[in-house]
Amino acid sequence: MYSELRSIIARHNATLITDAFGALSLMTALIVGLHLPGLF
């Protein structure tokens, strides 16, 4: 199983990086959106 995961990561390295940035931006938007009502 570990070797399968390693091969998947090796094959899809570029898309994993872009997916990680997308997930990070979604989490940032969620945190900012949840804190907005407290500012007003």
N, C-alpha and C. Protein backbone atom coordinates (compact mmCIF):
# COMPACT_ATOMS: atom_id res chain seq x y z
N MET A 1 0.82 -1.18 0.00
CA MET A 1 0.00 0.00 0.00
C MET A 1 0.87 1.26 0.00
N TYR A 2 1.95 1.23 0.77
CA TYR A 2 2.84 2.39 0.80
C TYR A 2 3.46 2.65 -0.57
N SER A 3 3.85 1.60 -1.27
CA SER A 3 4.44 1.78 -2.60
C SER A 3 3.41 2.30 -3.60
N GLU A 4 2.15 1.90 -3.46
CA GLU A 4 1.10 2.42 -4.33
C GLU A 4 0.90 3.92 -4.10
N LEU A 5 0.87 4.32 -2.85
CA LEU A 5 0.72 5.75 -2.55
C LEU A 5 1.90 6.55 -3.08
N ARG A 6 3.09 6.00 -2.93
CA ARG A 6 4.27 6.69 -3.43
C ARG A 6 4.22 6.85 -4.94
N SER A 7 3.78 5.83 -5.66
CA SER A 7 3.70 5.93 -7.12
C SER A 7 2.62 6.91 -7.55
N ILE A 8 1.50 6.95 -6.82
CA ILE A 8 0.45 7.91 -7.14
C ILE A 8 0.95 9.33 -6.94
N ILE A 9 1.65 9.57 -5.84
CA ILE A 9 2.19 10.90 -5.58
C ILE A 9 3.22 11.27 -6.64
N ALA A 10 4.03 10.34 -7.05
CA ALA A 10 5.05 10.62 -8.07
C ALA A 10 4.43 10.95 -9.41
N ARG A 11 3.32 10.29 -9.76
CA ARG A 11 2.68 10.53 -11.05
C ARG A 11 1.90 11.83 -11.08
N HIS A 12 1.33 12.22 -9.96
CA HIS A 12 0.42 13.37 -9.93
C HIS A 12 0.96 14.49 -9.05
N ASN A 13 2.25 14.70 -9.08
CA ASN A 13 2.87 15.68 -8.21
C ASN A 13 2.40 17.10 -8.52
N ALA A 14 2.31 17.47 -9.79
CA ALA A 14 1.91 18.83 -10.17
C ALA A 14 0.46 19.11 -9.78
N THR A 15 -0.42 18.16 -9.97
CA THR A 15 -1.82 18.39 -9.63
C THR A 15 -2.02 18.40 -8.12
N LEU A 16 -1.22 17.65 -7.39
CA LEU A 16 -1.34 17.66 -5.93
C LEU A 16 -0.98 19.03 -5.36
N ILE A 17 0.00 19.67 -5.96
CA ILE A 17 0.42 21.00 -5.48
C ILE A 17 -0.69 22.01 -5.74
N THR A 18 -1.28 21.98 -6.93
CA THR A 18 -2.35 22.92 -7.23
C THR A 18 -3.60 22.63 -6.38
N ASP A 19 -3.88 21.36 -6.12
CA ASP A 19 -5.00 21.01 -5.26
C ASP A 19 -4.76 21.48 -3.83
N ALA A 20 -3.52 21.40 -3.37
CA ALA A 20 -3.20 21.87 -2.02
C ALA A 20 -3.38 23.38 -1.93
N PHE A 21 -2.97 24.11 -2.96
CA PHE A 21 -3.19 25.56 -2.96
C PHE A 21 -4.67 25.90 -3.00
N GLY A 22 -5.44 25.14 -3.75
CA GLY A 22 -6.88 25.35 -3.80
C GLY A 22 -7.54 25.10 -2.45
N ALA A 23 -7.15 24.02 -1.79
CA ALA A 23 -7.70 23.72 -0.47
C ALA A 23 -7.30 24.79 0.54
N LEU A 24 -6.07 25.27 0.45
CA LEU A 24 -5.62 26.33 1.35
C LEU A 24 -6.41 27.62 1.14
N SER A 25 -6.68 27.95 -0.13
CA SER A 25 -7.45 29.17 -0.40
C SER A 25 -8.90 29.03 0.07
N LEU A 26 -9.48 27.84 -0.06
CA LEU A 26 -10.83 27.63 0.44
C LEU A 26 -10.90 27.74 1.97
N MET A 27 -9.91 27.19 2.65
CA MET A 27 -9.88 27.28 4.10
C MET A 27 -9.69 28.73 4.56
N THR A 28 -8.85 29.47 3.83
CA THR A 28 -8.65 30.88 4.17
C THR A 28 -9.94 31.66 3.98
N ALA A 29 -10.65 31.41 2.88
CA ALA A 29 -11.92 32.09 2.64
C ALA A 29 -12.94 31.72 3.71
N LEU A 30 -12.96 30.49 4.15
CA LEU A 30 -13.89 30.06 5.19
C LEU A 30 -13.59 30.77 6.51
N ILE A 31 -12.33 30.82 6.90
CA ILE A 31 -11.95 31.46 8.15
C ILE A 31 -12.26 32.95 8.12
N VAL A 32 -11.94 33.61 7.01
CA VAL A 32 -12.23 35.04 6.88
C VAL A 32 -13.74 35.26 6.91
N GLY A 33 -14.49 34.43 6.21
CA GLY A 33 -15.94 34.57 6.19
C GLY A 33 -16.58 34.36 7.55
N LEU A 34 -16.02 33.47 8.34
CA LEU A 34 -16.57 33.24 9.67
C LEU A 34 -16.23 34.36 10.65
N HIS A 35 -15.14 35.06 10.40
CA HIS A 35 -14.75 36.15 11.29
C HIS A 35 -15.35 37.50 10.88
N LEU A 36 -15.91 37.62 9.69
CA LEU A 36 -16.49 38.88 9.25
C LEU A 36 -17.63 39.39 10.13
N PRO A 37 -18.58 38.56 10.56
CA PRO A 37 -19.65 39.10 11.40
C PRO A 37 -19.16 39.69 12.71
N GLY A 38 -18.05 39.22 13.23
CA GLY A 38 -17.52 39.74 14.47
C GLY A 38 -16.91 41.12 14.31
N LEU A 39 -16.62 41.53 13.09
CA LEU A 39 -16.02 42.84 12.86
C LEU A 39 -17.04 43.96 12.88
N PHE A 40 -18.32 43.63 12.63
CA PHE A 40 -19.34 44.67 12.52
C PHE A 40 -20.16 44.67 13.75
